[in-house]
C-alpha atoms as a PDB file:
ATOM      1  CA  MET A   1     123.506 113.794  89.035  1.00  0.00           C
ATOM      2  CA  ALA A   2     121.380 116.414  90.667  1.00  0.00           C
ATOM      3  CA  PRO A   3     118.302 117.469  87.967  1.00  0.00           C
ATOM      4  CA  ARG A   4     119.127 119.873  85.035  1.00  0.00           C
ATOM      5  CA  ASP A   5     118.675 123.371  85.628  1.00  0.00           C
ATOM      6  CA  HIS A   6     117.613 124.032  82.150  1.00  0.00           C
ATOM      7  CA  GLU A   7     114.947 122.121  80.400  1.00  0.00           C
ATOM      8  CA  ASP A   8     116.817 122.777  77.235  1.00  0.00           C
ATOM      9  CA  ASP A   9     119.721 121.143  78.120  1.00  0.00           C
ATOM     10  CA  ASP A  10     120.569 117.844  76.060  1.00  0.00           C
ATOM     11  CA  LEU A  11     122.985 114.862  76.827  1.00  0.00           C
ATOM     12  CA  THR A  12     126.179 114.061  74.451  1.00  0.00           C
ATOM     13  CA  LEU A  13     127.363 110.866  72.832  1.00  0.00           C
ATOM     14  CA  HIS A  14     129.283 110.544  76.020  1.00  0.00           C
ATOM     15  CA  ASP A  15     126.558 110.948  78.585  1.00  0.00           C
ATOM     16  CA  LEU A  16     124.495 108.233  76.413  1.00  0.00           C
ATOM     17  CA  ILE A  17     127.425 105.942  76.927  1.00  0.00           C
ATOM     18  CA  GLU A  18     128.156 106.388  80.119  1.00  0.00           C
ATOM     19  CA  GLY A  19     124.999 106.674  81.750  1.00  0.00           C
ATOM     20  CA  PRO A  20     123.360 110.382  82.645  1.00  0.00           C
ATOM     21  CA  THR A  21     121.561 109.196  85.619  1.00  0.00           C
ATOM     22  CA  ARG A  22     121.445 106.624  87.808  1.00  0.00           C
ATOM     23  CA  ASP A  23     118.771 103.889  88.892  1.00  0.00           C
ATOM     24  CA  LEU A  24     119.630 104.892  93.007  1.00  0.00           C
ATOM     25  CA  THR A  25     119.788 108.027  94.855  1.00  0.00           C
ATOM     26  CA  ALA A  26     123.096 108.463  96.652  1.00  0.00           C
ATOM     27  CA  ALA A  27     120.882 107.816 100.052  1.00  0.00           C
ATOM     28  CA  ARG A  28     119.346 104.776  98.578  1.00  0.00           C
ATOM     29  CA  ALA A  29     122.537 103.399  97.416  1.00  0.00           C
ATOM     30  CA  ALA A  30     124.028 104.042 100.811  1.00  0.00           C
ATOM     31  CA  ALA A  31     121.116 102.615 102.372  1.00  0.00           C
ATOM     32  CA  LEU A  32     121.055  99.606 100.374  1.00  0.00           C
ATOM     33  CA  ALA A  33     125.111  98.698 100.472  1.00  0.00           C
ATOM     34  CA  ARG A  34     124.773  99.224 104.555  1.00  0.00           C
ATOM     35  CA  THR A  35     121.752  96.459 104.261  1.00  0.00           C
ATOM     36  CA  ASN A  36     123.863  94.092 101.754  1.00  0.00           C
ATOM     37  CA  ALA A  37     126.842  94.300 104.269  1.00  0.00           C
ATOM     38  CA  ALA A  38     124.876  93.704 107.688  1.00  0.00           C
ATOM     39  CA  ALA A  39     122.462  90.831 106.080  1.00  0.00           C
ATOM     40  CA  ARG A  40     124.942  88.802 103.768  1.00  0.00           C
ATOM     41  CA  PRO A  41     128.462  87.437 104.307  1.00  0.00           C
ATOM     42  CA  THR A  42     130.878  88.731 101.782  1.00  0.00           C
ATOM     43  CA  SER A  43     131.931  86.536  99.073  1.00  0.00           C
ATOM     44  CA  ASP A  44     134.049  87.469  95.522  1.00  0.00           C
ATOM     45  CA  ASP A  45     132.224  89.135  93.112  1.00  0.00           C
ATOM     46  CA  HIS A  46     131.734  87.894  90.011  1.00  0.00           C
ATOM     47  CA  GLU A  47     129.379  87.902  86.916  1.00  0.00           C
ATOM     48  CA  VAL A  48     126.392  86.192  86.920  1.00  0.00           C
ATOM     49  CA  ASP A  49     127.045  83.418  84.412  1.00  0.00           C
ATOM     50  CA  GLY A  50     129.941  84.867  83.037  1.00  0.00           C
ATOM     51  CA  THR A  51     127.400  87.745  80.979  1.00  0.00           C
ATOM     52  CA  SER A  52     127.184  90.592  83.081  1.00  0.00           C
ATOM     53  CA  GLY A  53     129.418  92.644  80.389  1.00  0.00           C
ATOM     54  CA  ASP A  54     130.803  94.543  83.269  1.00  0.00           C
ATOM     55  CA  PRO A  55     134.436  94.780  82.940  1.00  0.00           C
ATOM     56  CA  GLN A  56     134.960  95.586  86.466  1.00  0.00           C
ATOM     57  CA  GLY A  57     133.355  92.389  87.963  1.00  0.00           C
ATOM     58  CA  SER A  58     130.334  94.074  90.108  1.00  0.00           C
ATOM     59  CA  GLN A  59     128.011  91.813  89.426  1.00  0.00           C
ATOM     60  CA  PRO A  60     126.466  90.290  92.707  1.00  0.00           C
ATOM     61  CA  HIS A  61     127.487  86.673  93.661  1.00  0.00           C
ATOM     62  CA  ASP A  62     124.794  84.414  92.447  1.00  0.00           C
ATOM     63  CA  ARG A  63     123.277  80.969  93.530  1.00  0.00           C
ATOM     64  CA  ARG A  64     121.806  78.666  91.169  1.00  0.00           C
ATOM     65  CA  GLY A  65     118.605  76.486  91.317  1.00  0.00           C
ATOM     66  CA  GLU A  66     115.682  75.336  89.707  1.00  0.00           C
ATOM     67  CA  GLY A  67     112.758  77.913  89.124  1.00  0.00           C
ATOM     68  CA  ALA A  68     109.334  77.436  88.494  1.00  0.00           C
ATOM     69  CA  VAL A  69     107.880  75.349  85.124  1.00  0.00           C
ATOM     70  CA  GLY A  70     111.659  74.334  84.521  1.00  0.00           C
ATOM     71  CA  ARG A  71     113.290  77.603  84.457  1.00  0.00           C
ATOM     72  CA  ARG A  72     116.281  78.024  85.933  1.00  0.00           C
ATOM     73  CA  ARG A  73     116.650  80.173  89.029  1.00  0.00           C
ATOM     74  CA  VAL A  74     119.607  82.715  89.784  1.00  0.00           C
ATOM     75  CA  GLU A  75     119.430  84.310  93.139  1.00  0.00           C
ATOM     76  CA  LEU A  76     121.650  87.191  93.643  1.00  0.00           C
ATOM     77  CA  ASP A  77     122.724  88.720  96.822  1.00  0.00           C
ATOM     78  CA  GLY A  78     121.513  92.146  95.557  1.00  0.00           C
ATOM     79  CA  LEU A  79     120.179  94.301  93.064  1.00  0.00           C
ATOM     80  CA  PRO A  80     122.600  94.834  89.734  1.00  0.00           C
ATOM     81  CA  ALA A  81     123.310  98.359  88.985  1.00  0.00           C
ATOM     82  CA  SER A  82     121.469  99.409  86.015  1.00  0.00           C
ATOM     83  CA  GLY A  83     124.550 101.696  84.555  1.00  0.00           C
ATOM     84  CA  ALA A  84     126.468  98.958  83.369  1.00  0.00           C
ATOM     85  CA  LEU A  85     123.528  97.275  81.915  1.00  0.00           C
ATOM     86  CA  TYR A  86     122.539 100.301  79.962  1.00  0.00           C
ATOM     87  CA  ARG A  87     126.095 100.504  78.472  1.00  0.00           C
ATOM     88  CA  ARG A  88     125.840  97.069  77.187  1.00  0.00           C
ATOM     89  CA  ALA A  89     122.603  97.527  75.752  1.00  0.00           C
ATOM     90  CA  LEU A  90     123.761 100.611  74.155  1.00  0.00           C
ATOM     91  CA  LEU A  91     127.133  99.034  72.779  1.00  0.00           C
ATOM     92  CA  GLY A  92     124.787  96.071  71.643  1.00  0.00           C
ATOM     93  CA  VAL A  93     123.228  97.965  68.827  1.00  0.00           C
ATOM     94  CA  VAL A  94     126.788  98.649  67.585  1.00  0.00           C
ATOM     95  CA  PRO A  95     127.510  96.481  64.218  1.00  0.00           C
ATOM     96  CA  GLY A  96     129.671  93.871  65.088  1.00  0.00           C
ATOM     97  CA  VAL A  97     129.176  94.423  68.806  1.00  0.00           C
ATOM     98  CA  GLY A  98     125.676  92.936  69.693  1.00  0.00           C
ATOM     99  CA  GLY A  99     125.460  89.407  70.201  1.00  0.00           C
ATOM    100  CA  ARG A 100     122.914  86.870  68.560  1.00  0.00           C
ATOM    101  CA  ARG A 101     119.210  87.127  69.333  1.00  0.00           C
ATOM    102  CA  GLY A 102     117.254  84.090  70.967  1.00  0.00           C
ATOM    103  CA  ALA A 103     114.447  82.285  69.251  1.00  0.00           C
ATOM    104  CA  ASP A 104     112.602  82.002  72.267  1.00  0.00           C
ATOM    105  CA  VAL A 105     112.767  83.619  76.248  1.00  0.00           C
ATOM    106  CA  PRO A 106     115.448  82.397  78.173  1.00  0.00           C
ATOM    107  CA  GLY A 107     114.682  79.599  80.444  1.00  0.00           C
ATOM    108  CA  LEU A 108     116.055  81.843  83.233  1.00  0.00           C
ATOM    109  CA  GLU A 109     114.299  83.079  86.535  1.00  0.00           C
ATOM    110  CA  LEU A 110     116.336  86.024  88.507  1.00  0.00           C
ATOM    111  CA  ALA A 111     115.297  86.511  92.120  1.00  0.00           C
ATOM    112  CA  VAL A 112     116.911  88.762  94.913  1.00  0.00           C
ATOM    113  CA  GLY A 113     115.753  89.064  98.584  1.00  0.00           C
ATOM    114  CA  GLY A 114     115.295  91.486 101.290  1.00  0.00           C
ATOM    115  CA  VAL A 115     115.475  94.673  99.123  1.00  0.00           C
ATOM    116  CA  SER A 116     114.632  97.575 101.093  1.00  0.00           C
ATOM    117  CA  VAL A 117     112.997 101.013 100.533  1.00  0.00           C
ATOM    118  CA  ASP A 118     115.124 104.233 101.688  1.00  0.00           C
ATOM    119  CA  GLN A 119     112.189 106.661 102.690  1.00  0.00           C
ATOM    120  CA  ARG A 120     114.169 109.726 100.930  1.00  0.00           C
ATOM    121  CA  HIS A 121     114.163 107.694  97.581  1.00  0.00           C
ATOM    122  CA  LEU A 122     110.572 107.054  98.243  1.00  0.00           C
ATOM    123  CA  ALA A 123     109.817 110.789  98.732  1.00  0.00           C
ATOM    124  CA  ASP A 124     111.654 111.733  95.669  1.00  0.00           C
ATOM    125  CA  TYR A 125     109.401 109.225  93.307  1.00  0.00           C
ATOM    126  CA  ASP A 126     106.284 110.365  95.262  1.00  0.00           C
ATOM    127  CA  ARG A 127     107.030 114.059  94.109  1.00  0.00           C
ATOM    128  CA  VAL A 128     108.404 113.426  90.860  1.00  0.00           C
ATOM    129  CA  CYS A 129     105.213 111.390  90.065  1.00  0.00           C
ATOM    130  CA  GLY A 130     102.720 113.498  91.963  1.00  0.00           C
ATOM    131  CA  PHE A 131     101.759 110.897  94.834  1.00  0.00           C
ATOM    132  CA  ARG A 132     101.049 112.023  98.360  1.00  0.00           C
ATOM    133  CA  LEU A 133     104.003 111.542 100.915  1.00  0.00           C
ATOM    134  CA  THR A 134     103.169 108.582 103.002  1.00  0.00           C
ATOM    135  CA  ASP A 135     104.767 105.487 104.205  1.00  0.00           C
ATOM    136  CA  ARG A 136     102.645 103.358 101.959  1.00  0.00           C
ATOM    137  CA  LEU A 137     104.502 102.253  98.383  1.00  0.00           C
ATOM    138  CA  PRO A 138     102.605 103.359  95.774  1.00  0.00           C
ATOM    139  CA  ALA A 139     101.867 100.260  92.865  1.00  0.00           C
ATOM    140  CA  THR A 140     104.154 101.976  90.499  1.00  0.00           C
ATOM    141  CA  TYR A 141     106.923 102.232  93.006  1.00  0.00           C
ATOM    142  CA  LEU A 142     107.280  98.583  93.494  1.00  0.00           C
ATOM    143  CA  HIS A 143     107.698  98.471  89.772  1.00  0.00           C
ATOM    144  CA  VAL A 144     110.648 100.783  90.170  1.00  0.00           C
ATOM    145  CA  LEU A 145     112.058  98.792  92.931  1.00  0.00           C
ATOM    146  CA  GLY A 146     112.401  95.815  91.259  1.00  0.00           C
ATOM    147  CA  PHE A 147     113.173  97.230  87.804  1.00  0.00           C
ATOM    148  CA  PRO A 148     117.202  96.531  88.233  1.00  0.00           C
ATOM    149  CA  LEU A 149     116.453  92.661  88.180  1.00  0.00           C
ATOM    150  CA  SER A 150     114.400  92.681  85.079  1.00  0.00           C
ATOM    151  CA  LEU A 151     116.733  94.880  83.480  1.00  0.00           C
ATOM    152  CA  ARG A 152     119.481  92.434  84.323  1.00  0.00           C
ATOM    153  CA  LEU A 153     117.118  89.953  82.522  1.00  0.00           C
ATOM    154  CA  MET A 154     116.646  91.582  79.774  1.00  0.00           C
ATOM    155  CA  THR A 155     120.303  92.493  78.699  1.00  0.00           C
ATOM    156  CA  SER A 156     121.181  89.282  79.422  1.00  0.00           C
ATOM    157  CA  PRO A 157     122.909  87.201  75.986  1.00  0.00           C
ATOM    158  CA  GLY A 158     120.177  85.604  73.639  1.00  0.00           C
ATOM    159  CA  PHE A 159     116.873  87.669  74.937  1.00  0.00           C
ATOM    160  CA  PRO A 160     115.008  87.709  71.785  1.00  0.00           C
ATOM    161  CA  ILE A 161     114.369  91.262  71.409  1.00  0.00           C
ATOM    162  CA  PRO A 162     116.892  94.260  71.886  1.00  0.00           C
ATOM    163  CA  LEU A 163     116.477  96.381  75.148  1.00  0.00           C
ATOM    164  CA  THR A 164     117.602  99.692  73.169  1.00  0.00           C
ATOM    165  CA  GLY A 165     114.613 101.254  71.206  1.00  0.00           C
ATOM    166  CA  VAL A 166     112.257  98.386  72.649  1.00  0.00           C
ATOM    167  CA  VAL A 167     108.926  99.866  72.937  1.00  0.00           C
ATOM    168  CA  HIS A 168     106.845  99.112  76.517  1.00  0.00           C
ATOM    169  CA  VAL A 169     103.179  98.693  75.090  1.00  0.00           C
ATOM    170  CA  ALA A 170     101.180  97.483  78.117  1.00  0.00           C
ATOM    171  CA  ASN A 171     101.782  97.173  81.834  1.00  0.00           C
ATOM    172  CA  ARG A 172      99.514  95.245  84.395  1.00  0.00           C
ATOM    173  CA  ILE A 173     100.204  95.376  87.882  1.00  0.00           C
ATOM    174  CA  THR A 174      98.088  93.719  90.764  1.00  0.00           C
ATOM    175  CA  VAL A 175      97.911  94.614  94.112  1.00  0.00           C
ATOM    176  CA  ARG A 176      97.453  92.052  96.648  1.00  0.00           C
ATOM    177  CA  ARG A 177      97.761  93.903  99.803  1.00  0.00           C
ATOM    178  CA  PRO A 178      99.195  97.527 100.611  1.00  0.00           C
ATOM    179  CA  VAL A 179     103.244  97.092 101.341  1.00  0.00           C
ATOM    180  CA  GLU A 180     104.514  99.646 103.938  1.00  0.00           C
ATOM    181  CA  VAL A 181     107.947 101.309 103.778  1.00  0.00           C
ATOM    182  CA  GLY A 182     109.579  99.318 106.642  1.00  0.00           C
ATOM    183  CA  GLU A 183     108.848  95.837 105.057  1.00  0.00           C
ATOM    184  CA  ARG A 184     111.260  93.948 102.886  1.00  0.00           C
ATOM    185  CA  VAL A 185     110.434  92.653  99.753  1.00  0.00           C
ATOM    186  CA  ASP A 186     111.694  89.540  97.831  1.00  0.00           C
ATOM    187  CA  PHE A 187     111.234  89.969  94.135  1.00  0.00           C
ATOM    188  CA  HIS A 188     111.744  86.967  91.315  1.00  0.00           C
ATOM    189  CA  THR A 189     111.346  88.065  87.502  1.00  0.00           C
ATOM    190  CA  TYR A 190     111.043  85.824  84.196  1.00  0.00           C
ATOM    191  CA  ALA A 191     110.271  86.526  80.553  1.00  0.00           C
ATOM    192  CA  GLU A 192     107.088  84.470  78.829  1.00  0.00           C
ATOM    193  CA  ASN A 193     104.795  84.463  75.991  1.00  0.00           C
ATOM    194  CA  LEU A 194     106.755  85.563  72.979  1.00  0.00           C
ATOM    195  CA  ARG A 195     104.884  86.195  70.002  1.00  0.00           C
ATOM    196  CA  PRO A 196     104.596  87.477  66.582  1.00  0.00           C
ATOM    197  CA  HIS A 197     103.174  90.930  66.347  1.00  0.00           C
ATOM    198  CA  GLU A 198     102.354  92.965  62.921  1.00  0.00           C
ATOM    199  CA  ARG A 199     105.791  95.358  63.496  1.00  0.00           C
ATOM    200  CA  GLY A 200     107.852  92.674  65.112  1.00  0.00           C
ATOM    201  CA  ARG A 201     107.774  90.456  68.001  1.00  0.00           C
ATOM    202  CA  GLN A 202     106.370  90.854  71.868  1.00  0.00           C
ATOM    203  CA  LEU A 203     107.206  89.235  75.076  1.00  0.00           C
ATOM    204  CA  ASP A 204     105.851  89.813  78.868  1.00  0.00           C
ATOM    205  CA  VAL A 205     108.086  90.465  81.244  1.00  0.00           C
ATOM    206  CA  VAL A 206     107.014  89.263  84.707  1.00  0.00           C
ATOM    207  CA  LEU A 207     107.793  90.786  88.148  1.00  0.00           C
ATOM    208  CA  VAL A 208     106.763  89.294  91.680  1.00  0.00           C
ATOM    209  CA  GLY A 209     107.090  91.161  94.805  1.00  0.00           C
ATOM    210  CA  SER A 210     106.781  88.806  97.977  1.00  0.00           C
ATOM    211  CA  ILE A 211     106.889  89.019 101.487  1.00  0.00           C
ATOM    212  CA  GLY A 212     107.736  86.191 104.115  1.00  0.00           C
ATOM    213  CA  GLY A 213     106.948  84.082 101.193  1.00  0.00           C
ATOM    214  CA  GLU A 214     103.379  85.739 100.391  1.00  0.00           C
ATOM    215  CA  GLU A 215     103.013  86.946  96.958  1.00  0.00           C
ATOM    216  CA  VAL A 216     102.127  90.721  97.671  1.00  0.00           C
ATOM    217  CA  TRP A 217     102.420  92.490  94.185  1.00  0.00           C
ATOM    218  CA  ARG A 218     102.499  91.181  90.655  1.00  0.00           C
ATOM    219  CA  GLY A 219     103.641  93.460  87.628  1.00  0.00           C
ATOM    220  CA  VAL A 220     103.324  92.329  83.960  1.00  0.00           C
ATOM    221  CA  SER A 221     105.165  94.688  81.262  1.00  0.00           C
ATOM    222  CA  THR A 222     104.460  93.716  77.448  1.00  0.00           C
ATOM    223  CA  TYR A 223     107.301  94.930  75.122  1.00  0.00           C
ATOM    224  CA  LEU A 224     107.273  95.013  71.512  1.00  0.00           C
ATOM    225  CA  GLY A 225     110.541  94.825  69.483  1.00  0.00           C
ATOM    226  CA  LYS A 226     110.483  96.248  66.293  1.00  0.00           C
ATOM    227  CA  GLU A 227     111.691  94.351  63.618  1.00  0.00           C
ATOM    228  CA  ARG A 228     112.186  95.812  59.744  1.00  0.00           C
ATOM    229  CA  ALA A 229     110.816  92.730  58.036  1.00  0.00           C
ATOM    230  CA  SER A 230     107.502  92.956  59.474  1.00  0.00           C
ATOM    231  CA  GLY A 231     104.713  94.103  57.570  1.00  0.00           C
ATOM    232  CA  GLY A 232     103.898  96.732  59.786  1.00  0.00           C
ATOM    233  CA  GLY A 233      99.886  96.746  59.255  1.00  0.00           C
ATOM    234  CA  PRO A 234      97.647  99.584  58.075  1.00  0.00           C
ATOM    235  CA  ARG A 235      98.223 102.801  59.775  1.00  0.00           C
ATOM    236  CA  ARG A 236      94.549 103.861  61.713  1.00  0.00           C
ATOM    237  CA  ASP A 237      92.915 107.099  60.043  1.00  0.00           C
ATOM    238  CA  ARG A 238      92.447 110.048  62.226  1.00  0.00           C
ATOM    239  CA  ALA A 239      88.897 109.959  61.533  1.00  0.00           C
ATOM    240  CA  ASP A 240      88.476 106.326  62.858  1.00  0.00           C
ATOM    241  CA  ARG A 241      89.487 107.533  66.430  1.00  0.00           C
ATOM    242  CA  PRO A 242      86.802 108.275  68.976  1.00  0.00           C
ATOM    243  CA  GLU A 243      86.198 111.457  70.736  1.00  0.00           C
ATOM    244  CA  PRO A 244      88.668 111.766  73.757  1.00  0.00           C
ATOM    245  CA  PRO A 245      86.520 112.037  76.968  1.00  0.00           C
ATOM    246  CA  ALA A 246      85.917 115.398  78.878  1.00  0.00           C
ATOM    247  CA  PHE A 247      88.922 115.886  80.765  1.00  0.00           C
ATOM    248  CA  SER A 248      89.222 116.208  84.741  1.00  0.00           C
ATOM    249  CA  ALA A 249      92.688 117.704  84.709  1.00  0.00           C
ATOM    250  CA  GLN A 250      95.172 119.120  82.495  1.00  0.00           C
ATOM    251  CA  TRP A 251      99.086 118.583  83.179  1.00  0.00           C
ATOM    252  CA  ARG A 252     102.088 120.406  81.390  1.00  0.00           C
ATOM    253  CA  VAL A 253     104.884 118.094  81.326  1.00  0.00           C
ATOM    254  CA  MET A 254     108.128 119.364  80.767  1.00  0.00           C
ATOM    255  CA  PRO A 255     111.224 118.175  79.325  1.00  0.00           C
ATOM    256  CA  ARG A 256     112.993 117.450  83.070  1.00  0.00           C
ATOM    257  CA  VAL A 257     109.860 114.558  83.558  1.00  0.00           C
ATOM    258  CA  GLY A 258     112.251 112.605  81.774  1.00  0.00           C
ATOM    259  CA  THR A 259     115.494 113.372  83.328  1.00  0.00           C
ATOM    260  CA  ASP A 260     113.764 113.360  86.726  1.00  0.00           C
ATOM    261  CA  TYR A 261     111.858 109.928  86.449  1.00  0.00           C
ATOM    262  CA  ALA A 262     114.925 108.436  84.990  1.00  0.00           C
ATOM    263  CA  ARG A 263     116.968 109.396  88.154  1.00  0.00           C
ATOM    264  CA  VAL A 264     114.351 107.757  90.562  1.00  0.00           C
ATOM    265  CA  SER A 265     113.555 104.944  88.380  1.00  0.00           C
ATOM    266  CA  GLY A 266     116.946 103.327  87.053  1.00  0.00           C
ATOM    267  CA  ASP A 267     115.472 103.565  83.365  1.00  0.00           C
ATOM    268  CA  HIS A 268     117.623 105.869  81.683  1.00  0.00           C
ATOM    269  CA  ASN A 269     117.017 104.796  78.034  1.00  0.00           C
ATOM    270  CA  PRO A 270     117.994 107.761  75.727  1.00  0.00           C
ATOM    271  CA  ILE A 271     114.693 108.315  74.075  1.00  0.00           C
ATOM    272  CA  HIS A 272     113.619 109.650  77.393  1.00  0.00           C
ATOM    273  CA  THR A 273     116.676 111.808  78.560  1.00  0.00           C
ATOM    274  CA  SER A 274     118.021 113.381  75.155  1.00  0.00           C
ATOM    275  CA  LYS A 275     117.470 114.869  72.201  1.00  0.00           C
ATOM    276  CA  LEU A 276     120.249 112.996  70.266  1.00  0.00           C
ATOM    277  CA  GLY A 277     119.124 109.653  71.939  1.00  0.00           C
ATOM    278  CA  ALA A 278     115.307 110.350  70.726  1.00  0.00           C
ATOM    279  CA  ARG A 279     116.307 110.980  67.194  1.00  0.00           C
ATOM    280  CA  LEU A 280     118.953 107.942  66.881  1.00  0.00           C
ATOM    281  CA  PHE A 281     115.659 105.982  67.600  1.00  0.00           C
ATOM    282  CA  GLY A 282     112.947 107.518  65.414  1.00  0.00           C
ATOM    283  CA  PHE A 283     111.789 109.972  67.521  1.00  0.00           C
ATOM    284  CA  PRO A 284     111.637 114.024  66.935  1.00  0.00           C
ATOM    285  CA  ARG A 285     112.369 114.823  70.555  1.00  0.00           C
ATOM    286  CA  PRO A 286     112.259 112.948  73.599  1.00  0.00           C
ATOM    287  CA  ILE A 287     109.319 111.099  75.395  1.00  0.00           C
ATOM    288  CA  ALA A 288     108.080 110.602  78.571  1.00  0.00           C
ATOM    289  CA  HIS A 289     108.300 107.011  80.209  1.00  0.00           C
ATOM    290  CA  GLY A 290     105.219 105.247  80.121  1.00  0.00           C
ATOM    291  CA  MET A 291     105.530 104.357  83.429  1.00  0.00           C
ATOM    292  CA  TRP A 292     105.779 107.975  84.613  1.00  0.00           C
ATOM    293  CA  SER A 293     102.557 108.277  82.646  1.00  0.00           C
ATOM    294  CA  LYS A 294     100.975 105.152  84.318  1.00  0.00           C
ATOM    295  CA  ALA A 295     102.119 106.680  87.964  1.00  0.00           C
ATOM    296  CA  ARG A 296     100.763 110.068  87.133  1.00  0.00           C
ATOM    297  CA  CYS A 297      97.431 108.938  86.353  1.00  0.00           C
ATOM    298  CA  LEU A 298      97.242 106.532  89.462  1.00  0.00           C
ATOM    299  CA  ALA A 299      98.100 109.643  91.776  1.00  0.00           C
ATOM    300  CA  ALA A 300      95.329 111.309  90.691  1.00  0.00           C
ATOM    301  CA  LEU A 301      93.267 108.330  91.454  1.00  0.00           C
ATOM    302  CA  GLU A 302      94.849 107.552  95.155  1.00  0.00           C
ATOM    303  CA  PRO A 303      92.709 108.333  97.177  1.00  0.00           C
ATOM    304  CA  ARG A 304      89.678 106.349  95.361  1.00  0.00           C
ATOM    305  CA  LEU A 305      92.085 103.108  95.431  1.00  0.00           C
ATOM    306  CA  PRO A 306      91.116 100.284  97.217  1.00  0.00           C
ATOM    307  CA  GLU A 307      93.315  98.069  99.375  1.00  0.00           C
ATOM    308  CA  ALA A 308      93.575  95.613  96.704  1.00  0.00           C
ATOM    309  CA  TYR A 309      93.157  96.005  92.878  1.00  0.00           C
ATOM    310  CA  THR A 310      94.770  95.471  89.418  1.00  0.00           C
ATOM    311  CA  VAL A 311      95.590  98.499  87.602  1.00  0.00           C
ATOM    312  CA  ASP A 312      95.844  97.719  83.704  1.00  0.00           C
ATOM    313  CA  VAL A 313      96.866 100.221  81.128  1.00  0.00           C
ATOM    314  CA  ALA A 314      97.919 100.146  77.306  1.00  0.00           C
ATOM    315  CA  PHE A 315     100.451 102.611  76.133  1.00  0.00           C
ATOM    316  CA  LYS A 316      99.459 104.313  72.930  1.00  0.00           C
ATOM    317  CA  LEU A 317     101.056 107.109  71.412  1.00  0.00           C
ATOM    318  CA  PRO A 318     104.145 108.353  73.443  1.00  0.00           C
ATOM    319  CA  VAL A 319     103.969 111.817  75.047  1.00  0.00           C
ATOM    320  CA  PRO A 320     106.532 114.378  73.632  1.00  0.00           C
ATOM    321  CA  LEU A 321     108.721 116.546  75.637  1.00  0.00           C
ATOM    322  CA  PRO A 322     107.345 119.299  76.382  1.00  0.00           C
ATOM    323  CA  SER A 323     103.482 118.877  75.954  1.00  0.00           C
ATOM    324  CA  THR A 324     100.003 119.233  77.797  1.00  0.00           C
ATOM    325  CA  VAL A 325      98.231 116.106  78.360  1.00  0.00           C
ATOM    326  CA  ALA A 326      94.540 116.060  79.503  1.00  0.00           C
ATOM    327  CA  PHE A 327      93.529 113.387  82.041  1.00  0.00           C
ATOM    328  CA  SER A 328      90.056 112.090  82.200  1.00  0.00           C
ATOM    329  CA  ALA A 329      88.385 109.300  84.567  1.00  0.00           C
ATOM    330  CA  SER A 330      85.150 108.004  85.269  1.00  0.00           C
ATOM    331  CA  PRO A 331      83.570 105.444  88.012  1.00  0.00           C
ATOM    332  CA  ASN A 332      82.284 102.272  86.998  1.00  0.00           C
ATOM    333  CA  GLY A 333      80.659 100.904  89.941  1.00  0.00           C
ATOM    334  CA  ALA A 334      83.441 100.377  92.168  1.00  0.00           C
ATOM    335  CA  ASP A 335      85.817 100.560  89.559  1.00  0.00           C
ATOM    336  CA  TRP A 336      87.590 102.802  87.357  1.00  0.00           C
ATOM    337  CA  ASP A 337      88.385 103.846  83.626  1.00  0.00           C
ATOM    338  CA  PHE A 338      91.069 106.456  82.940  1.00  0.00           C
ATOM    339  CA  ALA A 339      93.088 107.872  79.868  1.00  0.00           C
ATOM    340  CA  LEU A 340      95.516 110.224  79.035  1.00  0.00           C
ATOM    341  CA  HIS A 341      95.007 112.218  75.674  1.00  0.00           C
ATOM    342  CA  SER A 342      96.842 115.062  74.173  1.00  0.00           C
ATOM    343  CA  ALA A 343      95.097 118.119  75.211  1.00  0.00           C
ATOM    344  CA  ARG A 344      96.170 120.004  71.831  1.00  0.00           C
ATOM    345  CA  ASP A 345      94.608 117.569  69.109  1.00  0.00           C
ATOM    346  CA  GLY A 346      93.018 114.641  71.307  1.00  0.00           C
ATOM    347  CA  ARG A 347      95.460 111.886  70.287  1.00  0.00           C
ATOM    348  CA  PRO A 348      95.627 109.005  72.894  1.00  0.00           C
ATOM    349  CA  HIS A 349      98.533 108.428  74.668  1.00  0.00           C
ATOM    350  CA  LEU A 350      97.422 106.052  77.212  1.00  0.00           C
ATOM    351  CA  THR A 351      94.161 104.129  78.540  1.00  0.00           C
ATOM    352  CA  GLY A 352      93.534 102.109  81.613  1.00  0.00           C
ATOM    353  CA  SER A 353      91.528 100.585  84.038  1.00  0.00           C
ATOM    354  CA  VAL A 354      91.600  99.869  87.982  1.00  0.00           C
ATOM    355  CA  ARG A 355      89.222  96.708  88.882  1.00  0.00           C
END
């Protein structure tokens, strides 16, 4: 779907269920289809472990094996389509439809090989996030490239926290070496470290990118599943907040950032793309994707980044759409510390570092 022309356009309930955006542009989808057809033998499609929730049977064929530390490895012939996975996640919150949650992370590792990059999709992503147009992949782009695989894991039956309404609280990306647009990436993903939190439970979803058997990229996303039975903990008083640092740039974040980023990333959680969807999950208006905020900060530091580094962020308060944010960055030797705050009242949105 093309970007909406009007900032105040909203999505209908039908849009929420059917998916207003896609994880792939038409060009990228066509390129991946050609790649899969040329590189892999044809086979009858079927659901992975019979759990895709896709009535059309469009999930790729799988090959089972043994993953690391006893995890069962499932190798897919191609990246799954995000639309059906989000529809199942949305339907999963309907009483009587959603299944039971597991008590622990699944002993499952999903993998897919030979993922290619469509240059037009990369350019579209670069424009949405503020990166320069080059053949070198931004660190956050590999998160987007492999995101459908992690999404498939997080929508599997028994996954301990529900995808819909989940809060992305932190993300750490390690770049071992630069990745160029012509290289094919093998991805695998798994979940680990389920632990209690004062507002529910949180866990880490690990996504690893390799080329020629060498790990070149690793992303660890920490997600919080809120639970009503949890205590919640005391709220921090505004007077306790430190003064935000002097900003080096201000950005006006318009409502279309939610739909534009959803279009290029495949993450079309309705809290980012719809007033109705945001209200259903307790937000007065849509909020920006956390990974867009991280990417936008990284784009501002792009000329200063080394060949290999780790960029770590903690997501604080959501960025409401629209709003104006203040970006600050300070060198720490060869490293960088950076942050994103509300330009209006100094409330923290994100803190991060490059090491």
